Amino acid sequence: MDDRRKYKNADRLIFPTKKKYPLLAAVLSLLWGGLGQVYLGQTMTGIVIMAIDIVAIFATVGVGYFIIMIVSVIYAYKDAKTLQEGKPIHPWGMRVKYVNKEG
């Protein structure tokens, strides 16, 4: 596990605790957009994506849902790969910043 002191706002990040499978995260997001994010520990992100999916299904006759689902699959896979590499992910999918501590 990485040294948490290397990361800015480490208390807010999701660090790998057990193995997460990128393909499983992608398949879950394929079943319902946001489900892969919930699997990865990005619970609020997943819930927001699921809520947007529900609105998109009715507002765009399914086209918006399809687009959101594809984006959700890509990001769930990417974030699971990051966790698999032993690096943390942000709960909202933002870029993780490193702290440069020299000395």
N, C-alpha and C. Protein backbone atom coordinates (compact mmCIF):
# COMPACT_ATOMS: atom_id res chain seq x y z
N MET A 1 0.85 -1.18 0.00
CA MET A 1 0.00 0.00 0.00
C MET A 1 0.89 1.24 0.00
N ASP A 2 0.47 2.26 -0.74
CA ASP A 2 1.26 3.48 -0.84
C ASP A 2 1.24 4.24 0.47
N ASP A 3 2.27 5.04 0.67
CA ASP A 3 2.36 5.91 1.82
C ASP A 3 1.37 7.05 1.64
N ARG A 4 0.42 7.15 2.53
CA ARG A 4 -0.65 8.15 2.39
C ARG A 4 -0.14 9.58 2.47
N ARG A 5 1.02 9.79 3.05
CA ARG A 5 1.57 11.15 3.16
C ARG A 5 1.98 11.70 1.80
N LYS A 6 2.09 10.87 0.80
CA LYS A 6 2.48 11.32 -0.54
C LYS A 6 1.34 12.03 -1.26
N TYR A 7 0.14 11.95 -0.74
CA TYR A 7 -1.03 12.45 -1.46
C TYR A 7 -1.67 13.63 -0.76
N LYS A 8 -2.03 14.63 -1.56
CA LYS A 8 -2.75 15.78 -1.04
C LYS A 8 -4.17 15.34 -0.70
N ASN A 9 -4.68 15.74 0.44
CA ASN A 9 -6.02 15.37 0.91
C ASN A 9 -6.21 13.86 0.97
N ALA A 10 -5.22 13.16 1.50
CA ALA A 10 -5.26 11.69 1.56
C ALA A 10 -6.45 11.17 2.34
N ASP A 11 -6.95 11.96 3.29
CA ASP A 11 -8.09 11.51 4.09
C ASP A 11 -9.37 11.40 3.26
N ARG A 12 -9.41 12.02 2.10
CA ARG A 12 -10.59 11.97 1.24
C ARG A 12 -10.49 10.92 0.13
N LEU A 13 -9.32 10.34 -0.05
CA LEU A 13 -9.11 9.42 -1.16
C LEU A 13 -9.53 8.00 -0.82
N ILE A 14 -9.77 7.21 -1.85
CA ILE A 14 -10.07 5.79 -1.69
C ILE A 14 -8.80 5.03 -2.02
N PHE A 15 -8.24 4.37 -1.01
CA PHE A 15 -7.03 3.59 -1.20
C PHE A 15 -7.41 2.13 -1.42
N PRO A 16 -6.60 1.40 -2.18
CA PRO A 16 -6.92 -0.01 -2.42
C PRO A 16 -6.84 -0.81 -1.12
N THR A 17 -7.92 -1.49 -0.77
CA THR A 17 -7.92 -2.33 0.43
C THR A 17 -7.99 -3.80 0.05
N LYS A 18 -8.72 -4.10 -1.00
CA LYS A 18 -8.73 -5.45 -1.55
C LYS A 18 -8.80 -5.34 -3.06
N LYS A 19 -8.50 -6.42 -3.72
CA LYS A 19 -8.40 -6.40 -5.17
C LYS A 19 -9.74 -6.05 -5.82
N LYS A 20 -9.69 -5.09 -6.71
CA LYS A 20 -10.86 -4.71 -7.51
C LYS A 20 -10.57 -5.11 -8.95
N TYR A 21 -11.55 -5.68 -9.59
CA TYR A 21 -11.39 -6.19 -10.94
C TYR A 21 -11.96 -5.20 -11.97
N PRO A 22 -11.10 -4.68 -12.86
CA PRO A 22 -11.55 -3.70 -13.85
C PRO A 22 -12.68 -4.21 -14.73
N LEU A 23 -12.60 -5.46 -15.17
CA LEU A 23 -13.64 -6.00 -16.04
C LEU A 23 -14.98 -6.08 -15.31
N LEU A 24 -14.95 -6.48 -14.04
CA LEU A 24 -16.18 -6.54 -13.25
C LEU A 24 -16.77 -5.14 -13.07
N ALA A 25 -15.92 -4.15 -12.79
CA ALA A 25 -16.40 -2.77 -12.65
C ALA A 25 -17.05 -2.29 -13.94
N ALA A 26 -16.44 -2.62 -15.07
CA ALA A 26 -16.99 -2.21 -16.37
C ALA A 26 -18.32 -2.91 -16.65
N VAL A 27 -18.40 -4.21 -16.36
CA VAL A 27 -19.65 -4.96 -16.60
C VAL A 27 -20.77 -4.44 -15.71
N LEU A 28 -20.45 -4.13 -14.46
CA LEU A 28 -21.47 -3.59 -13.57
C LEU A 28 -21.99 -2.25 -14.08
N SER A 29 -21.09 -1.41 -14.58
CA SER A 29 -21.51 -0.13 -15.16
C SER A 29 -22.28 -0.33 -16.46
N LEU A 30 -21.99 -1.40 -17.15
CA LEU A 30 -22.72 -1.71 -18.38
C LEU A 30 -24.16 -2.13 -18.04
N LEU A 31 -24.32 -2.85 -16.94
CA LEU A 31 -25.67 -3.26 -16.50
C LEU A 31 -26.49 -2.05 -16.07
N TRP A 32 -25.89 -1.16 -15.30
CA TRP A 32 -26.56 0.06 -14.88
C TRP A 32 -25.48 1.09 -14.59
N GLY A 33 -25.48 2.18 -15.32
CA GLY A 33 -24.48 3.21 -15.15
C GLY A 33 -24.37 3.65 -13.70
N GLY A 34 -23.16 3.64 -13.16
CA GLY A 34 -22.92 4.03 -11.78
C GLY A 34 -22.68 2.85 -10.86
N LEU A 35 -23.12 1.67 -11.26
CA LEU A 35 -22.96 0.49 -10.42
C LEU A 35 -21.48 0.12 -10.26
N GLY A 36 -20.69 0.30 -11.29
CA GLY A 36 -19.26 0.04 -11.20
C GLY A 36 -18.57 0.99 -10.23
N GLN A 37 -19.03 2.25 -10.19
CA GLN A 37 -18.46 3.21 -9.26
C GLN A 37 -18.78 2.83 -7.83
N VAL A 38 -19.99 2.34 -7.59
CA VAL A 38 -20.36 1.89 -6.24
C VAL A 38 -19.47 0.72 -5.83
N TYR A 39 -19.24 -0.21 -6.73
CA TYR A 39 -18.36 -1.35 -6.47
C TYR A 39 -16.96 -0.91 -6.07
N LEU A 40 -16.48 0.19 -6.67
CA LEU A 40 -15.14 0.69 -6.39
C LEU A 40 -15.06 1.53 -5.12
N GLY A 41 -16.18 1.82 -4.52
CA GLY A 41 -16.19 2.63 -3.31
C GLY A 41 -16.54 4.08 -3.56
N GLN A 42 -16.81 4.44 -4.80
CA GLN A 42 -17.21 5.79 -5.15
C GLN A 42 -18.74 5.87 -5.07
N THR A 43 -19.26 5.65 -3.87
CA THR A 43 -20.70 5.48 -3.68
C THR A 43 -21.52 6.69 -4.14
N MET A 44 -21.14 7.88 -3.69
CA MET A 44 -21.93 9.06 -4.07
C MET A 44 -21.86 9.32 -5.57
N THR A 45 -20.71 9.10 -6.18
CA THR A 45 -20.59 9.25 -7.63
C THR A 45 -21.53 8.28 -8.34
N GLY A 46 -21.54 7.03 -7.88
CA GLY A 46 -22.43 6.02 -8.46
C GLY A 46 -23.89 6.38 -8.33
N ILE A 47 -24.28 6.87 -7.16
CA ILE A 47 -25.69 7.25 -6.93
C ILE A 47 -26.08 8.42 -7.84
N VAL A 48 -25.19 9.40 -7.96
CA VAL A 48 -25.48 10.54 -8.84
C VAL A 48 -25.62 10.08 -10.29
N ILE A 49 -24.73 9.21 -10.75
CA ILE A 49 -24.81 8.70 -12.12
C ILE A 49 -26.11 7.93 -12.32
N MET A 50 -26.50 7.11 -11.34
CA MET A 50 -27.75 6.36 -11.45
C MET A 50 -28.96 7.30 -11.54
N ALA A 51 -28.95 8.36 -10.74
CA ALA A 51 -30.06 9.32 -10.79
C ALA A 51 -30.12 10.03 -12.14
N ILE A 52 -28.95 10.41 -12.65
CA ILE A 52 -28.91 11.06 -13.97
C ILE A 52 -29.38 10.08 -15.05
N ASP A 53 -29.03 8.80 -14.90
CA ASP A 53 -29.49 7.77 -15.85
C ASP A 53 -31.01 7.71 -15.91
N ILE A 54 -31.64 7.74 -14.76
CA ILE A 54 -33.11 7.65 -14.71
C ILE A 54 -33.73 8.83 -15.45
N VAL A 55 -33.21 10.02 -15.20
CA VAL A 55 -33.72 11.21 -15.89
C VAL A 55 -33.44 11.11 -17.39
N ALA A 56 -32.23 10.66 -17.73
CA ALA A 56 -31.84 10.59 -19.15
C ALA A 56 -32.68 9.59 -19.93
N ILE A 57 -33.10 8.52 -19.29
CA ILE A 57 -33.92 7.53 -19.99
C ILE A 57 -35.22 8.17 -20.49
N PHE A 58 -35.84 8.95 -19.63
CA PHE A 58 -37.13 9.55 -19.99
C PHE A 58 -36.97 10.83 -20.80
N ALA A 59 -35.95 11.62 -20.50
CA ALA A 59 -35.79 12.92 -21.17
C ALA A 59 -35.25 12.79 -22.59
N THR A 60 -34.49 11.75 -22.86
CA THR A 60 -33.86 11.63 -24.18
C THR A 60 -34.25 10.34 -24.89
N VAL A 61 -35.29 9.69 -24.44
CA VAL A 61 -35.76 8.45 -25.01
C VAL A 61 -34.63 7.41 -25.08
N GLY A 62 -33.81 7.38 -24.07
CA GLY A 62 -32.78 6.37 -23.95
C GLY A 62 -31.42 6.72 -24.52
N VAL A 63 -31.34 7.73 -25.39
CA VAL A 63 -30.07 8.08 -26.01
C VAL A 63 -29.09 8.61 -24.96
N GLY A 64 -29.56 9.48 -24.09
CA GLY A 64 -28.71 10.03 -23.03
C GLY A 64 -28.22 8.95 -22.09
N TYR A 65 -29.10 8.00 -21.78
CA TYR A 65 -28.71 6.88 -20.91
C TYR A 65 -27.56 6.10 -21.53
N PHE A 66 -27.63 5.85 -22.81
CA PHE A 66 -26.59 5.09 -23.50
C PHE A 66 -25.24 5.82 -23.42
N ILE A 67 -25.25 7.12 -23.64
CA ILE A 67 -24.02 7.91 -23.58
C ILE A 67 -23.45 7.90 -22.16
N ILE A 68 -24.29 8.11 -21.17
CA ILE A 68 -23.84 8.11 -19.77
C ILE A 68 -23.30 6.73 -19.40
N MET A 69 -23.94 5.68 -19.87
CA MET A 69 -23.50 4.33 -19.56
C MET A 69 -22.10 4.08 -20.12
N ILE A 70 -21.84 4.49 -21.35
CA ILE A 70 -20.53 4.29 -21.97
C ILE A 70 -19.45 5.03 -21.18
N VAL A 71 -19.71 6.27 -20.80
CA VAL A 71 -18.75 7.05 -20.00
C VAL A 71 -18.53 6.38 -18.65
N SER A 72 -19.59 5.90 -18.04
CA SER A 72 -19.50 5.22 -16.75
C SER A 72 -18.65 3.96 -16.84
N VAL A 73 -18.82 3.19 -17.91
CA VAL A 73 -18.04 1.97 -18.12
C VAL A 73 -16.56 2.31 -18.25
N ILE A 74 -16.24 3.32 -19.03
CA ILE A 74 -14.84 3.71 -19.25
C ILE A 74 -14.19 4.14 -17.94
N TYR A 75 -14.86 4.99 -17.18
CA TYR A 75 -14.28 5.48 -15.94
C TYR A 75 -14.23 4.41 -14.85
N ALA A 76 -15.19 3.52 -14.80
CA ALA A 76 -15.14 2.42 -13.82
C ALA A 76 -13.95 1.52 -14.12
N TYR A 77 -13.73 1.21 -15.38
CA TYR A 77 -12.59 0.37 -15.76
C TYR A 77 -11.28 1.06 -15.42
N LYS A 78 -11.17 2.33 -15.81
CA LYS A 78 -9.94 3.10 -15.57
C LYS A 78 -9.63 3.20 -14.07
N ASP A 79 -10.64 3.51 -13.26
CA ASP A 79 -10.43 3.65 -11.82
C ASP A 79 -10.09 2.31 -11.17
N ALA A 80 -10.69 1.22 -11.63
CA ALA A 80 -10.36 -0.10 -11.09
C ALA A 80 -8.92 -0.47 -11.43
N LYS A 81 -8.46 -0.12 -12.64
CA LYS A 81 -7.06 -0.37 -13.00
C LYS A 81 -6.12 0.42 -12.09
N THR A 82 -6.49 1.65 -11.79
CA THR A 82 -5.68 2.49 -10.90
C THR A 82 -5.57 1.86 -9.52
N LEU A 83 -6.70 1.38 -8.99
CA LEU A 83 -6.69 0.71 -7.68
C LEU A 83 -5.87 -0.57 -7.74
N GLN A 84 -5.98 -1.29 -8.83
CA GLN A 84 -5.24 -2.54 -9.00
C GLN A 84 -3.73 -2.29 -9.01
N GLU A 85 -3.33 -1.11 -9.47
CA GLU A 85 -1.91 -0.74 -9.48
C GLU A 85 -1.43 -0.27 -8.11
N GLY A 86 -2.34 -0.24 -7.13
CA GLY A 86 -1.97 0.17 -5.78
C GLY A 86 -2.05 1.67 -5.54
N LYS A 87 -2.65 2.40 -6.46
CA LYS A 87 -2.78 3.85 -6.33
C LYS A 87 -4.18 4.21 -5.87
N PRO A 88 -4.34 5.32 -5.16
CA PRO A 88 -5.67 5.72 -4.71
C PRO A 88 -6.48 6.40 -5.82
N ILE A 89 -7.78 6.44 -5.62
CA ILE A 89 -8.67 7.18 -6.53
C ILE A 89 -9.46 8.18 -5.70
N HIS A 90 -9.94 9.21 -6.36
CA HIS A 90 -10.75 10.23 -5.70
C HIS A 90 -12.21 9.75 -5.68
N PRO A 91 -12.95 10.02 -4.61
CA PRO A 91 -14.34 9.57 -4.55
C PRO A 91 -15.22 10.10 -5.69
N TRP A 92 -14.88 11.25 -6.25
CA TRP A 92 -15.67 11.83 -7.33
C TRP A 92 -14.98 11.68 -8.69
N GLY A 93 -13.93 10.86 -8.76
CA GLY A 93 -13.27 10.61 -10.03
C GLY A 93 -12.32 11.70 -10.49
N MET A 94 -12.03 12.65 -9.60
CA MET A 94 -11.09 13.71 -9.96
C MET A 94 -9.66 13.19 -9.92
N ARG A 95 -8.77 13.96 -10.49
CA ARG A 95 -7.36 13.57 -10.53
C ARG A 95 -6.77 13.64 -9.13
N VAL A 96 -5.96 12.66 -8.75
CA VAL A 96 -5.31 12.61 -7.45
C VAL A 96 -4.00 13.38 -7.54
N LYS A 97 -3.79 14.28 -6.58
CA LYS A 97 -2.58 15.11 -6.59
C LYS A 97 -1.58 14.56 -5.58
N TYR A 98 -0.34 14.56 -6.00
CA TYR A 98 0.75 14.12 -5.14
C TYR A 98 1.36 15.32 -4.44
N VAL A 99 1.84 15.10 -3.23
CA VAL A 99 2.53 16.14 -2.49
C VAL A 99 4.02 15.88 -2.66
N ASN A 100 4.75 16.91 -3.07
CA ASN A 100 6.18 16.76 -3.25
C ASN A 100 6.88 17.16 -1.95
N LYS A 101 7.20 16.15 -1.13
CA LYS A 101 7.90 16.40 0.12
C LYS A 101 9.34 15.96 -0.03
N GLU A 102 10.20 16.93 -0.08
CA GLU A 102 11.62 16.61 -0.21
C GLU A 102 12.30 16.84 1.13
N GLY A 103 13.32 16.03 1.38
CA GLY A 103 14.09 16.26 2.60
C GLY A 103 14.16 15.12 3.50
